[in-house]
Amino acid sequence: MLRDNDGIYGKNFIDRVDAMQIEQVATAPRSPWQNPHCESVIGSIRRECLNHVVVLGERHLHRILPEYVSYYHTARTHLPLGKDAPDHRPVVANDNGDIVAVPMVGGLHHKYIRSAA
């Protein structure tokens, strides 16, 4: 398990993870670049969602983030996945109808599908 040196990971947490026989690797202090995957996701959330939405409170944020996570996993392209989404999308033939934009994250992003012919 890769974790940072946050004080939230106290002795009780470390002891429990050790008891589960999970190897822990702590990043160096003040070194966020050592956790590139988390930094990448956090950056995507900030750039593609939170920078474009006025969050009205905690409840609003709790509604927006699951919508963005759904978009991130089902519709957003990822270059390391060959421009596919983490939840694989089947390739649809060109002759199966018109392309329709389905709004996601309150219309901030869209998923494109083919309508029935």
PDB file of N, CA and C in Angstrom:
ATOM      1  N   MET A   1       0.845  -1.161   0.000  1.00  0.00           N
ATOM      2  CA  MET A   1       0.000   0.000   0.000  1.00  0.00           C
ATOM      3  C   MET A   1       0.898   1.235   0.000  1.00  0.00           C
ATOM      4  N   LEU A   2       0.661   2.091  -0.971  1.00  0.00           N
ATOM      5  CA  LEU A   2       1.395   3.350  -1.035  1.00  0.00           C
ATOM      6  C   LEU A   2       0.579   4.402  -0.302  1.00  0.00           C
ATOM      7  N   ARG A   3       1.198   5.080   0.651  1.00  0.00           N
ATOM      8  CA  ARG A   3       0.510   6.119   1.411  1.00  0.00           C
ATOM      9  C   ARG A   3       1.471   7.258   1.664  1.00  0.00           C
ATOM     10  N   ASP A   4       0.912   8.399   2.019  1.00  0.00           N
ATOM     11  CA  ASP A   4       1.776   9.529   2.353  1.00  0.00           C
ATOM     12  C   ASP A   4       2.028   9.542   3.856  1.00  0.00           C
ATOM     13  N   ASN A   5       2.695  10.561   4.330  1.00  0.00           N
ATOM     14  CA  ASN A   5       3.069  10.639   5.739  1.00  0.00           C
ATOM     15  C   ASN A   5       2.102  11.484   6.561  1.00  0.00           C
ATOM     16  N   ASP A   6       0.871  11.558   6.132  1.00  0.00           N
ATOM     17  CA  ASP A   6      -0.137  12.336   6.847  1.00  0.00           C
ATOM     18  C   ASP A   6      -0.318  11.788   8.260  1.00  0.00           C
ATOM     19  N   GLY A   7      -0.576  12.675   9.190  1.00  0.00           N
ATOM     20  CA  GLY A   7      -0.780  12.279  10.578  1.00  0.00           C
ATOM     21  C   GLY A   7      -2.004  11.408  10.790  1.00  0.00           C
ATOM     22  N   ILE A   8      -2.879  11.350   9.775  1.00  0.00           N
ATOM     23  CA  ILE A   8      -4.063  10.504   9.881  1.00  0.00           C
ATOM     24  C   ILE A   8      -3.680   9.022   9.998  1.00  0.00           C
ATOM     25  N   TYR A   9      -2.524   8.667   9.469  1.00  0.00           N
ATOM     26  CA  TYR A   9      -2.048   7.290   9.554  1.00  0.00           C
ATOM     27  C   TYR A   9      -1.267   7.124  10.847  1.00  0.00           C
ATOM     28  N   GLY A  10      -1.977   7.001  11.935  1.00  0.00           N
ATOM     29  CA  GLY A  10      -1.346   6.859  13.244  1.00  0.00           C
ATOM     30  C   GLY A  10      -0.899   5.434  13.512  1.00  0.00           C
ATOM     31  N   LYS A  11      -0.435   5.193  14.715  1.00  0.00           N
ATOM     32  CA  LYS A  11       0.079   3.881  15.106  1.00  0.00           C
ATOM     33  C   LYS A  11      -0.987   2.795  14.966  1.00  0.00           C
ATOM     34  N   ASN A  12      -2.235   3.089  15.344  1.00  0.00           N
ATOM     35  CA  ASN A  12      -3.301   2.086  15.222  1.00  0.00           C
ATOM     36  C   ASN A  12      -3.492   1.651  13.770  1.00  0.00           C
ATOM     37  N   PHE A  13      -3.508   2.611  12.841  1.00  0.00           N
ATOM     38  CA  PHE A  13      -3.672   2.288  11.436  1.00  0.00           C
ATOM     39  C   PHE A  13      -2.509   1.434  10.940  1.00  0.00           C
ATOM     40  N   ILE A  14      -1.290   1.864  11.251  1.00  0.00           N
ATOM     41  CA  ILE A  14      -0.101   1.150  10.797  1.00  0.00           C
ATOM     42  C   ILE A  14      -0.085  -0.269  11.356  1.00  0.00           C
ATOM     43  N   ASP A  15      -0.450  -0.437  12.634  1.00  0.00           N
ATOM     44  CA  ASP A  15      -0.479  -1.771  13.246  1.00  0.00           C
ATOM     45  C   ASP A  15      -1.517  -2.669  12.584  1.00  0.00           C
ATOM     46  N   ARG A  16      -2.682  -2.121  12.266  1.00  0.00           N
ATOM     47  CA  ARG A  16      -3.721  -2.934  11.628  1.00  0.00           C
ATOM     48  C   ARG A  16      -3.327  -3.360  10.229  1.00  0.00           C
ATOM     49  N   VAL A  17      -2.723  -2.456   9.470  1.00  0.00           N
ATOM     50  CA  VAL A  17      -2.285  -2.814   8.119  1.00  0.00           C
ATOM     51  C   VAL A  17      -1.189  -3.871   8.194  1.00  0.00           C
ATOM     52  N   ASP A  18      -0.267  -3.728   9.138  1.00  0.00           N
ATOM     53  CA  ASP A  18       0.769  -4.745   9.333  1.00  0.00           C
ATOM     54  C   ASP A  18       0.156  -6.088   9.704  1.00  0.00           C
ATOM     55  N   ALA A  19      -0.882  -6.081  10.548  1.00  0.00           N
ATOM     56  CA  ALA A  19      -1.538  -7.321  10.962  1.00  0.00           C
ATOM     57  C   ALA A  19      -2.199  -8.022   9.775  1.00  0.00           C
ATOM     58  N   MET A  20      -2.619  -7.249   8.763  1.00  0.00           N
ATOM     59  CA  MET A  20      -3.207  -7.841   7.553  1.00  0.00           C
ATOM     60  C   MET A  20      -2.127  -8.282   6.567  1.00  0.00           C
ATOM     61  N   GLN A  21      -0.876  -8.145   6.964  1.00  0.00           N
ATOM     62  CA  GLN A  21       0.287  -8.531   6.157  1.00  0.00           C
ATOM     63  C   GLN A  21       0.328  -7.780   4.820  1.00  0.00           C
ATOM     64  N   ILE A  22      -0.014  -6.494   4.886  1.00  0.00           N
ATOM     65  CA  ILE A  22       0.075  -5.624   3.716  1.00  0.00           C
ATOM     66  C   ILE A  22       1.325  -4.776   3.874  1.00  0.00           C
ATOM     67  N   GLU A  23       2.163  -4.814   2.854  1.00  0.00           N
ATOM     68  CA  GLU A  23       3.390  -4.011   2.904  1.00  0.00           C
ATOM     69  C   GLU A  23       3.037  -2.544   2.684  1.00  0.00           C
ATOM     70  N   GLN A  24       3.564  -1.679   3.536  1.00  0.00           N
ATOM     71  CA  GLN A  24       3.316  -0.247   3.439  1.00  0.00           C
ATOM     72  C   GLN A  24       4.567   0.456   2.922  1.00  0.00           C
ATOM     73  N   VAL A  25       4.335   1.370   2.003  1.00  0.00           N
ATOM     74  CA  VAL A  25       5.419   2.215   1.510  1.00  0.00           C
ATOM     75  C   VAL A  25       4.957   3.648   1.686  1.00  0.00           C
ATOM     76  N   ALA A  26       5.650   4.386   2.517  1.00  0.00           N
ATOM     77  CA  ALA A  26       5.308   5.789   2.763  1.00  0.00           C
ATOM     78  C   ALA A  26       6.133   6.681   1.838  1.00  0.00           C
ATOM     79  N   THR A  27       5.482   7.670   1.254  1.00  0.00           N
ATOM     80  CA  THR A  27       6.208   8.610   0.404  1.00  0.00           C
ATOM     81  C   THR A  27       7.054   9.521   1.285  1.00  0.00           C
ATOM     82  N   ALA A  28       8.031  10.140   0.678  1.00  0.00           N
ATOM     83  CA  ALA A  28       8.873  11.079   1.409  1.00  0.00           C
ATOM     84  C   ALA A  28       8.047  12.315   1.778  1.00  0.00           C
ATOM     85  N   PRO A  29       8.358  12.956   2.879  1.00  0.00           N
ATOM     86  CA  PRO A  29       7.615  14.158   3.275  1.00  0.00           C
ATOM     87  C   PRO A  29       7.669  15.242   2.192  1.00  0.00           C
ATOM     88  N   ARG A  30       6.544  15.902   1.986  1.00  0.00           N
ATOM     89  CA  ARG A  30       6.397  16.995   1.009  1.00  0.00           C
ATOM     90  C   ARG A  30       6.810  16.566  -0.400  1.00  0.00           C
ATOM     91  N   SER A  31       6.396  15.357  -0.789  1.00  0.00           N
ATOM     92  CA  SER A  31       6.767  14.830  -2.103  1.00  0.00           C
ATOM     93  C   SER A  31       5.559  14.273  -2.839  1.00  0.00           C
ATOM     94  N   PRO A  32       4.604  15.114  -3.246  1.00  0.00           N
ATOM     95  CA  PRO A  32       3.401  14.601  -3.902  1.00  0.00           C
ATOM     96  C   PRO A  32       3.683  13.942  -5.247  1.00  0.00           C
ATOM     97  N   TRP A  33       4.794  14.262  -5.882  1.00  0.00           N
ATOM     98  CA  TRP A  33       5.122  13.672  -7.171  1.00  0.00           C
ATOM     99  C   TRP A  33       5.418  12.176  -7.052  1.00  0.00           C
ATOM    100  N   GLN A  34       5.560  11.675  -5.829  1.00  0.00           N
ATOM    101  CA  GLN A  34       5.810  10.247  -5.653  1.00  0.00           C
ATOM    102  C   GLN A  34       4.530   9.424  -5.771  1.00  0.00           C
ATOM    103  N   ASN A  35       3.397  10.058  -5.872  1.00  0.00           N
ATOM    104  CA  ASN A  35       2.142   9.345  -6.009  1.00  0.00           C
ATOM    105  C   ASN A  35       1.432   9.864  -7.270  1.00  0.00           C
ATOM    106  N   PRO A  36       1.962   9.535  -8.450  1.00  0.00           N
ATOM    107  CA  PRO A  36       1.474  10.154  -9.680  1.00  0.00           C
ATOM    108  C   PRO A  36       0.031   9.807 -10.035  1.00  0.00           C
ATOM    109  N   HIS A  37      -0.424   8.605  -9.720  1.00  0.00           N
ATOM    110  CA  HIS A  37      -1.789   8.234 -10.097  1.00  0.00           C
ATOM    111  C   HIS A  37      -2.816   9.057  -9.330  1.00  0.00           C
ATOM    112  N   CYS A  38      -2.633   9.186  -8.036  1.00  0.00           N
ATOM    113  CA  CYS A  38      -3.559  10.005  -7.237  1.00  0.00           C
ATOM    114  C   CYS A  38      -3.487  11.459  -7.661  1.00  0.00           C
ATOM    115  N   GLU A  39      -2.288  11.959  -7.885  1.00  0.00           N
ATOM    116  CA  GLU A  39      -2.143  13.352  -8.308  1.00  0.00           C
ATOM    117  C   GLU A  39      -2.820  13.569  -9.654  1.00  0.00           C
ATOM    118  N   SER A  40      -2.750  12.591 -10.551  1.00  0.00           N
ATOM    119  CA  SER A  40      -3.381  12.705 -11.859  1.00  0.00           C
ATOM    120  C   SER A  40      -4.900  12.779 -11.733  1.00  0.00           C
ATOM    121  N   VAL A  41      -5.472  11.912 -10.913  1.00  0.00           N
ATOM    122  CA  VAL A  41      -6.926  11.903 -10.727  1.00  0.00           C
ATOM    123  C   VAL A  41      -7.383  13.196 -10.060  1.00  0.00           C
ATOM    124  N   ILE A  42      -6.674  13.619  -9.040  1.00  0.00           N
ATOM    125  CA  ILE A  42      -7.035  14.859  -8.353  1.00  0.00           C
ATOM    126  C   ILE A  42      -6.954  16.037  -9.318  1.00  0.00           C
ATOM    127  N   GLY A  43      -5.927  16.072 -10.148  1.00  0.00           N
ATOM    128  CA  GLY A  43      -5.800  17.130 -11.150  1.00  0.00           C
ATOM    129  C   GLY A  43      -6.934  17.106 -12.156  1.00  0.00           C
ATOM    130  N   SER A  44      -7.337  15.899 -12.590  1.00  0.00           N
ATOM    131  CA  SER A  44      -8.448  15.781 -13.534  1.00  0.00           C
ATOM    132  C   SER A  44      -9.744  16.282 -12.913  1.00  0.00           C
ATOM    133  N   ILE A  45      -9.990  15.903 -11.666  1.00  0.00           N
ATOM    134  CA  ILE A  45     -11.202  16.356 -10.982  1.00  0.00           C
ATOM    135  C   ILE A  45     -11.217  17.876 -10.897  1.00  0.00           C
ATOM    136  N   ARG A  46     -10.078  18.448 -10.566  1.00  0.00           N
ATOM    137  CA  ARG A  46      -9.997  19.906 -10.432  1.00  0.00           C
ATOM    138  C   ARG A  46     -10.177  20.587 -11.790  1.00  0.00           C
ATOM    139  N   ARG A  47      -9.392  20.157 -12.799  1.00  0.00           N
ATOM    140  CA  ARG A  47      -9.415  20.823 -14.101  1.00  0.00           C
ATOM    141  C   ARG A  47     -10.732  20.626 -14.851  1.00  0.00           C
ATOM    142  N   GLU A  48     -11.285  19.409 -14.797  1.00  0.00           N
ATOM    143  CA  GLU A  48     -12.428  19.074 -15.640  1.00  0.00           C
ATOM    144  C   GLU A  48     -13.777  19.222 -14.944  1.00  0.00           C
ATOM    145  N   CYS A  49     -13.763  19.457 -13.643  1.00  0.00           N
ATOM    146  CA  CYS A  49     -15.031  19.551 -12.928  1.00  0.00           C
ATOM    147  C   CYS A  49     -15.078  20.778 -12.024  1.00  0.00           C
ATOM    148  N   LEU A  50     -14.269  20.785 -10.987  1.00  0.00           N
ATOM    149  CA  LEU A  50     -14.397  21.809  -9.950  1.00  0.00           C
ATOM    150  C   LEU A  50     -14.032  23.213 -10.416  1.00  0.00           C
ATOM    151  N   ASN A  51     -13.164  23.335 -11.424  1.00  0.00           N
ATOM    152  CA  ASN A  51     -12.821  24.662 -11.939  1.00  0.00           C
ATOM    153  C   ASN A  51     -13.970  25.278 -12.747  1.00  0.00           C
ATOM    154  N   HIS A  52     -15.000  24.484 -13.068  1.00  0.00           N
ATOM    155  CA  HIS A  52     -16.105  24.960 -13.909  1.00  0.00           C
ATOM    156  C   HIS A  52     -17.438  25.006 -13.177  1.00  0.00           C
ATOM    157  N   VAL A  53     -17.441  24.653 -11.907  1.00  0.00           N
ATOM    158  CA  VAL A  53     -18.683  24.573 -11.144  1.00  0.00           C
ATOM    159  C   VAL A  53     -18.547  25.408  -9.878  1.00  0.00           C
ATOM    160  N   VAL A  54     -19.584  26.161  -9.561  1.00  0.00           N
ATOM    161  CA  VAL A  54     -19.622  26.859  -8.284  1.00  0.00           C
ATOM    162  C   VAL A  54     -20.272  25.902  -7.292  1.00  0.00           C
ATOM    163  N   VAL A  55     -19.471  25.398  -6.360  1.00  0.00           N
ATOM    164  CA  VAL A  55     -19.968  24.447  -5.376  1.00  0.00           C
ATOM    165  C   VAL A  55     -20.681  25.231  -4.281  1.00  0.00           C
ATOM    166  N   LEU A  56     -21.941  24.887  -4.055  1.00  0.00           N
ATOM    167  CA  LEU A  56     -22.779  25.644  -3.132  1.00  0.00           C
ATOM    168  C   LEU A  56     -22.734  25.124  -1.703  1.00  0.00           C
ATOM    169  N   GLY A  57     -22.053  24.037  -1.486  1.00  0.00           N
ATOM    170  CA  GLY A  57     -21.953  23.479  -0.142  1.00  0.00           C
ATOM    171  C   GLY A  57     -21.537  22.023  -0.196  1.00  0.00           C
ATOM    172  N   GLU A  58     -21.401  21.419   0.952  1.00  0.00           N
ATOM    173  CA  GLU A  58     -20.939  20.036   1.037  1.00  0.00           C
ATOM    174  C   GLU A  58     -21.908  19.075   0.346  1.00  0.00           C
ATOM    175  N   ARG A  59     -23.214  19.266   0.551  1.00  0.00           N
ATOM    176  CA  ARG A  59     -24.195  18.379  -0.093  1.00  0.00           C
ATOM    177  C   ARG A  59     -24.105  18.489  -1.612  1.00  0.00           C
ATOM    178  N   HIS A  60     -23.915  19.690  -2.109  1.00  0.00           N
ATOM    179  CA  HIS A  60     -23.773  19.896  -3.546  1.00  0.00           C
ATOM    180  C   HIS A  60     -22.522  19.184  -4.063  1.00  0.00           C
ATOM    181  N   LEU A  61     -21.436  19.299  -3.347  1.00  0.00           N
ATOM    182  CA  LEU A  61     -20.194  18.621  -3.736  1.00  0.00           C
ATOM    183  C   LEU A  61     -20.378  17.109  -3.740  1.00  0.00           C
ATOM    184  N   HIS A  62     -21.097  16.585  -2.744  1.00  0.00           N
ATOM    185  CA  HIS A  62     -21.352  15.143  -2.679  1.00  0.00           C
ATOM    186  C   HIS A  62     -22.263  14.677  -3.816  1.00  0.00           C
ATOM    187  N   ARG A  63     -22.995  15.568  -4.434  1.00  0.00           N
ATOM    188  CA  ARG A  63     -23.806  15.209  -5.588  1.00  0.00           C
ATOM    189  C   ARG A  63     -23.000  15.306  -6.882  1.00  0.00           C
ATOM    190  N   ILE A  64     -22.126  16.302  -6.975  1.00  0.00           N
ATOM    191  CA  ILE A  64     -21.347  16.516  -8.200  1.00  0.00           C
ATOM    192  C   ILE A  64     -20.274  15.447  -8.384  1.00  0.00           C
ATOM    193  N   LEU A  65     -19.538  15.130  -7.334  1.00  0.00           N
ATOM    194  CA  LEU A  65     -18.404  14.211  -7.481  1.00  0.00           C
ATOM    195  C   LEU A  65     -18.800  12.823  -7.965  1.00  0.00           C
ATOM    196  N   PRO A  66     -19.871  12.192  -7.457  1.00  0.00           N
ATOM    197  CA  PRO A  66     -20.253  10.887  -8.026  1.00  0.00           C
ATOM    198  C   PRO A  66     -20.629  10.965  -9.507  1.00  0.00           C
ATOM    199  N   GLU A  67     -21.242  12.080  -9.922  1.00  0.00           N
ATOM    200  CA  GLU A  67     -21.557  12.259 -11.338  1.00  0.00           C
ATOM    201  C   GLU A  67     -20.269  12.332 -12.160  1.00  0.00           C
ATOM    202  N   TYR A  68     -19.268  13.055 -11.653  1.00  0.00           N
ATOM    203  CA  TYR A  68     -18.000  13.151 -12.374  1.00  0.00           C
ATOM    204  C   TYR A  68     -17.301  11.795 -12.404  1.00  0.00           C
ATOM    205  N   VAL A  69     -17.328  11.053 -11.303  1.00  0.00           N
ATOM    206  CA  VAL A  69     -16.697   9.728 -11.262  1.00  0.00           C
ATOM    207  C   VAL A  69     -17.348   8.811 -12.288  1.00  0.00           C
ATOM    208  N   SER A  70     -18.671   8.865 -12.404  1.00  0.00           N
ATOM    209  CA  SER A  70     -19.369   8.066 -13.412  1.00  0.00           C
ATOM    210  C   SER A  70     -18.905   8.447 -14.818  1.00  0.00           C
ATOM    211  N   TYR A  71     -18.825   9.743 -15.096  1.00  0.00           N
ATOM    212  CA  TYR A  71     -18.317  10.216 -16.391  1.00  0.00           C
ATOM    213  C   TYR A  71     -16.885   9.742 -16.611  1.00  0.00           C
ATOM    214  N   TYR A  72     -16.048   9.881 -15.595  1.00  0.00           N
ATOM    215  CA  TYR A  72     -14.627   9.529 -15.681  1.00  0.00           C
ATOM    216  C   TYR A  72     -14.450   8.050 -16.045  1.00  0.00           C
ATOM    217  N   HIS A  73     -15.300   7.192 -15.493  1.00  0.00           N
ATOM    218  CA  HIS A  73     -15.152   5.753 -15.715  1.00  0.00           C
ATOM    219  C   HIS A  73     -15.882   5.239 -16.953  1.00  0.00           C
ATOM    220  N   THR A  74     -16.921   5.932 -17.401  1.00  0.00           N
ATOM    221  CA  THR A  74     -17.704   5.382 -18.502  1.00  0.00           C
ATOM    222  C   THR A  74     -17.556   6.115 -19.824  1.00  0.00           C
ATOM    223  N   ALA A  75     -17.220   7.397 -19.806  1.00  0.00           N
ATOM    224  CA  ALA A  75     -17.232   8.168 -21.050  1.00  0.00           C
ATOM    225  C   ALA A  75     -15.928   8.873 -21.370  1.00  0.00           C
ATOM    226  N   ARG A  76     -15.155   9.265 -20.388  1.00  0.00           N
ATOM    227  CA  ARG A  76     -13.936  10.039 -20.621  1.00  0.00           C
ATOM    228  C   ARG A  76     -12.866   9.143 -21.230  1.00  0.00           C
ATOM    229  N   THR A  77     -12.220   9.639 -22.280  1.00  0.00           N
ATOM    230  CA  THR A  77     -11.150   8.853 -22.900  1.00  0.00           C
ATOM    231  C   THR A  77      -9.868   8.983 -22.082  1.00  0.00           C
ATOM    232  N   HIS A  78      -9.100   7.907 -22.066  1.00  0.00           N
ATOM    233  CA  HIS A  78      -7.823   7.856 -21.352  1.00  0.00           C
ATOM    234  C   HIS A  78      -6.759   7.371 -22.334  1.00  0.00           C
ATOM    235  N   LEU A  79      -5.738   8.175 -22.557  1.00  0.00           N
ATOM    236  CA  LEU A  79      -4.696   7.803 -23.515  1.00  0.00           C
ATOM    237  C   LEU A  79      -4.003   6.484 -23.164  1.00  0.00           C
ATOM    238  N   PRO A  80      -3.659   6.224 -21.894  1.00  0.00           N
ATOM    239  CA  PRO A  80      -3.002   4.937 -21.606  1.00  0.00           C
ATOM    240  C   PRO A  80      -3.889   3.722 -21.889  1.00  0.00           C
ATOM    241  N   LEU A  81      -5.193   3.923 -22.010  1.00  0.00           N
ATOM    242  CA  LEU A  81      -6.109   2.826 -22.310  1.00  0.00           C
ATOM    243  C   LEU A  81      -6.480   2.795 -23.790  1.00  0.00           C
ATOM    244  N   GLY A  82      -5.664   3.407 -24.624  1.00  0.00           N
ATOM    245  CA  GLY A  82      -5.938   3.428 -26.058  1.00  0.00           C
ATOM    246  C   GLY A  82      -7.181   4.234 -26.387  1.00  0.00           C
ATOM    247  N   LYS A  83      -7.371   5.348 -25.696  1.00  0.00           N
ATOM    248  CA  LYS A  83      -8.522   6.248 -25.861  1.00  0.00           C
ATOM    249  C   LYS A  83      -9.844   5.559 -25.535  1.00  0.00           C
ATOM    250  N   ASP A  84      -9.802   4.599 -24.633  1.00  0.00           N
ATOM    251  CA  ASP A  84     -11.006   3.950 -24.127  1.00  0.00           C
ATOM    252  C   ASP A  84     -11.248   4.446 -22.710  1.00  0.00           C
ATOM    253  N   ALA A  85     -12.375   4.094 -22.148  1.00  0.00           N
ATOM    254  CA  ALA A  85     -12.690   4.436 -20.763  1.00  0.00           C
ATOM    255  C   ALA A  85     -12.341   3.246 -19.875  1.00  0.00           C
ATOM    256  N   PRO A  86     -12.140   3.455 -18.565  1.00  0.00           N
ATOM    257  CA  PRO A  86     -11.852   2.327 -17.674  1.00  0.00           C
ATOM    258  C   PRO A  86     -12.924   1.238 -17.737  1.00  0.00           C
ATOM    259  N   ASP A  87     -14.207   1.629 -17.826  1.00  0.00           N
ATOM    260  CA  ASP A  87     -15.264   0.662 -18.080  1.00  0.00           C
ATOM    261  C   ASP A  87     -15.371   0.555 -19.590  1.00  0.00           C
ATOM    262  N   HIS A  88     -14.852  -0.546 -20.150  1.00  0.00           N
ATOM    263  CA  HIS A  88     -14.717  -0.712 -21.596  1.00  0.00           C
ATOM    264  C   HIS A  88     -16.019  -0.391 -22.329  1.00  0.00           C
ATOM    265  N   ARG A  89     -15.871   0.344 -23.432  1.00  0.00           N
ATOM    266  CA  ARG A  89     -17.008   0.682 -24.280  1.00  0.00           C
ATOM    267  C   ARG A  89     -16.896  -0.109 -25.573  1.00  0.00           C
ATOM    268  N   PRO A  90     -17.948  -0.793 -25.987  1.00  0.00           N
ATOM    269  CA  PRO A  90     -17.872  -1.547 -27.250  1.00  0.00           C
ATOM    270  C   PRO A  90     -17.817  -0.601 -28.449  1.00  0.00           C
ATOM    271  N   VAL A  91     -17.135  -1.019 -29.493  1.00  0.00           N
ATOM    272  CA  VAL A  91     -17.059  -0.246 -30.732  1.00  0.00           C
ATOM    273  C   VAL A  91     -18.347  -0.505 -31.503  1.00  0.00           C
ATOM    274  N   VAL A  92     -18.994   0.564 -31.948  1.00  0.00           N
ATOM    275  CA  VAL A  92     -20.263   0.456 -32.659  1.00  0.00           C
ATOM    276  C   VAL A  92     -20.025   0.790 -34.122  1.00  0.00           C
ATOM    277  N   ALA A  93     -20.650   0.027 -35.027  1.00  0.00           N
ATOM    278  CA  ALA A  93     -20.492   0.246 -36.468  1.00  0.00           C
ATOM    279  C   ALA A  93     -21.052   1.610 -36.859  1.00  0.00           C
ATOM    280  N   ASN A  94     -20.504   2.177 -37.937  1.00  0.00           N
ATOM    281  CA  ASN A  94     -20.899   3.511 -38.396  1.00  0.00           C
ATOM    282  C   ASN A  94     -22.329   3.591 -38.907  1.00  0.00           C
ATOM    283  N   ASP A  95     -22.941   2.499 -39.281  1.00  0.00           N
ATOM    284  CA  ASP A  95     -24.265   2.529 -39.905  1.00  0.00           C
ATOM    285  C   ASP A  95     -25.405   2.264 -38.916  1.00  0.00           C
ATOM    286  N   ASN A  96     -25.160   2.439 -37.637  1.00  0.00           N
ATOM    287  CA  ASN A  96     -26.176   2.119 -36.635  1.00  0.00           C
ATOM    288  C   ASN A  96     -26.953   3.330 -36.139  1.00  0.00           C
ATOM    289  N   GLY A  97     -27.089   4.383 -36.896  1.00  0.00           N
ATOM    290  CA  GLY A  97     -27.883   5.538 -36.479  1.00  0.00           C
ATOM    291  C   GLY A  97     -27.052   6.782 -36.269  1.00  0.00           C
ATOM    292  N   ASP A  98     -27.747   7.849 -35.885  1.00  0.00           N
ATOM    293  CA  ASP A  98     -27.104   9.142 -35.671  1.00  0.00           C
ATOM    294  C   ASP A  98     -26.397   9.183 -34.318  1.00  0.00           C
ATOM    295  N   ILE A  99     -25.401  10.051 -34.225  1.00  0.00           N
ATOM    296  CA  ILE A  99     -24.690  10.241 -32.962  1.00  0.00           C
ATOM    297  C   ILE A  99     -25.476  11.237 -32.118  1.00  0.00           C
ATOM    298  N   VAL A 100     -25.697  10.861 -30.847  1.00  0.00           N
ATOM    299  CA  VAL A 100     -26.468  11.691 -29.925  1.00  0.00           C
ATOM    300  C   VAL A 100     -25.576  12.011 -28.727  1.00  0.00           C
ATOM    301  N   ALA A 101     -25.582  13.269 -28.305  1.00  0.00           N
ATOM    302  CA  ALA A 101     -24.823  13.690 -27.124  1.00  0.00           C
ATOM    303  C   ALA A 101     -25.708  13.522 -25.891  1.00  0.00           C
ATOM    304  N   VAL A 102     -25.211  12.777 -24.916  1.00  0.00           N
ATOM    305  CA  VAL A 102     -25.917  12.579 -23.649  1.00  0.00           C
ATOM    306  C   VAL A 102     -25.201  13.416 -22.595  1.00  0.00           C
ATOM    307  N   PRO A 103     -25.872  14.438 -22.034  1.00  0.00           N
ATOM    308  CA  PRO A 103     -25.196  15.287 -21.044  1.00  0.00           C
ATOM    309  C   PRO A 103     -24.857  14.516 -19.770  1.00  0.00           C
ATOM    310  N   MET A 104     -23.686  14.804 -19.240  1.00  0.00           N
ATOM    311  CA  MET A 104     -23.235  14.216 -17.979  1.00  0.00           C
ATOM    312  C   MET A 104     -22.682  15.339 -17.110  1.00  0.00           C
ATOM    313  N   VAL A 105     -22.635  15.140 -15.829  1.00  0.00           N
ATOM    314  CA  VAL A 105     -22.145  16.116 -14.855  1.00  0.00           C
ATOM    315  C   VAL A 105     -22.878  17.451 -15.056  1.00  0.00           C
ATOM    316  N   GLY A 106     -24.199  17.368 -15.119  1.00  0.00           N
ATOM    317  CA  GLY A 106     -25.008  18.574 -15.267  1.00  0.00           C
ATOM    318  C   GLY A 106     -24.810  19.289 -16.586  1.00  0.00           C
ATOM    319  N   GLY A 107     -24.394  18.588 -17.634  1.00  0.00           N
ATOM    320  CA  GLY A 107     -24.175  19.194 -18.940  1.00  0.00           C
ATOM    321  C   GLY A 107     -22.764  19.707 -19.149  1.00  0.00           C
ATOM    322  N   LEU A 108     -21.925  19.596 -18.143  1.00  0.00           N
ATOM    323  CA  LEU A 108     -20.540  20.050 -18.261  1.00  0.00           C
ATOM    324  C   LEU A 108     -19.772  19.191 -19.265  1.00  0.00           C
ATOM    325  N   HIS A 109     -20.053  17.892 -19.273  1.00  0.00           N
ATOM    326  CA  HIS A 109     -19.432  16.949 -20.209  1.00  0.00           C
ATOM    327  C   HIS A 109     -20.535  16.155 -20.895  1.00  0.00           C
ATOM    328  N   HIS A 110     -20.171  15.432 -21.936  1.00  0.00           N
ATOM    329  CA  HIS A 110     -21.142  14.640 -22.679  1.00  0.00           C
ATOM    330  C   HIS A 110     -20.583  13.263 -22.990  1.00  0.00           C
ATOM    331  N   LYS A 111     -21.492  12.311 -23.086  1.00  0.00           N
ATOM    332  CA  LYS A 111     -21.166  10.977 -23.589  1.00  0.00           C
ATOM    333  C   LYS A 111     -21.860  10.876 -24.937  1.00  0.00           C
ATOM    334  N   TYR A 112     -21.169  10.356 -25.930  1.00  0.00           N
ATOM    335  CA  TYR A 112     -21.721  10.286 -27.289  1.00  0.00           C
ATOM    336  C   TYR A 112     -22.061   8.843 -27.604  1.00  0.00           C
ATOM    337  N   ILE A 113     -23.325   8.627 -28.013  1.00  0.00           N
ATOM    338  CA  ILE A 113     -23.774   7.280 -28.364  1.00  0.00           C
ATOM    339  C   ILE A 113     -24.491   7.352 -29.696  1.00  0.00           C
ATOM    340  N   ARG A 114     -24.714   6.201 -30.290  1.00  0.00           N
ATOM    341  CA  ARG A 114     -25.482   6.144 -31.530  1.00  0.00           C
ATOM    342  C   ARG A 114     -26.921   5.802 -31.191  1.00  0.00           C
ATOM    343  N   SER A 115     -27.853   6.555 -31.769  1.00  0.00           N
ATOM    344  CA  SER A 115     -29.267   6.278 -31.548  1.00  0.00           C
ATOM    345  C   SER A 115     -29.679   5.091 -32.410  1.00  0.00           C
ATOM    346  N   ALA A 116     -30.776   4.463 -32.048  1.00  0.00           N
ATOM    347  CA  ALA A 116     -31.276   3.336 -32.839  1.00  0.00           C
ATOM    348  C   ALA A 116     -31.638   3.821 -34.227  1.00  0.00           C
ATOM    349  N   ALA A 117     -31.311   3.007 -35.226  1.00  0.00           N
ATOM    350  CA  ALA A 117     -31.545   3.392 -36.624  1.00  0.00           C
ATOM    351  C   ALA A 117     -33.016   3.462 -36.961  1.00  0.00           C
TER     352      ALA A 117
END
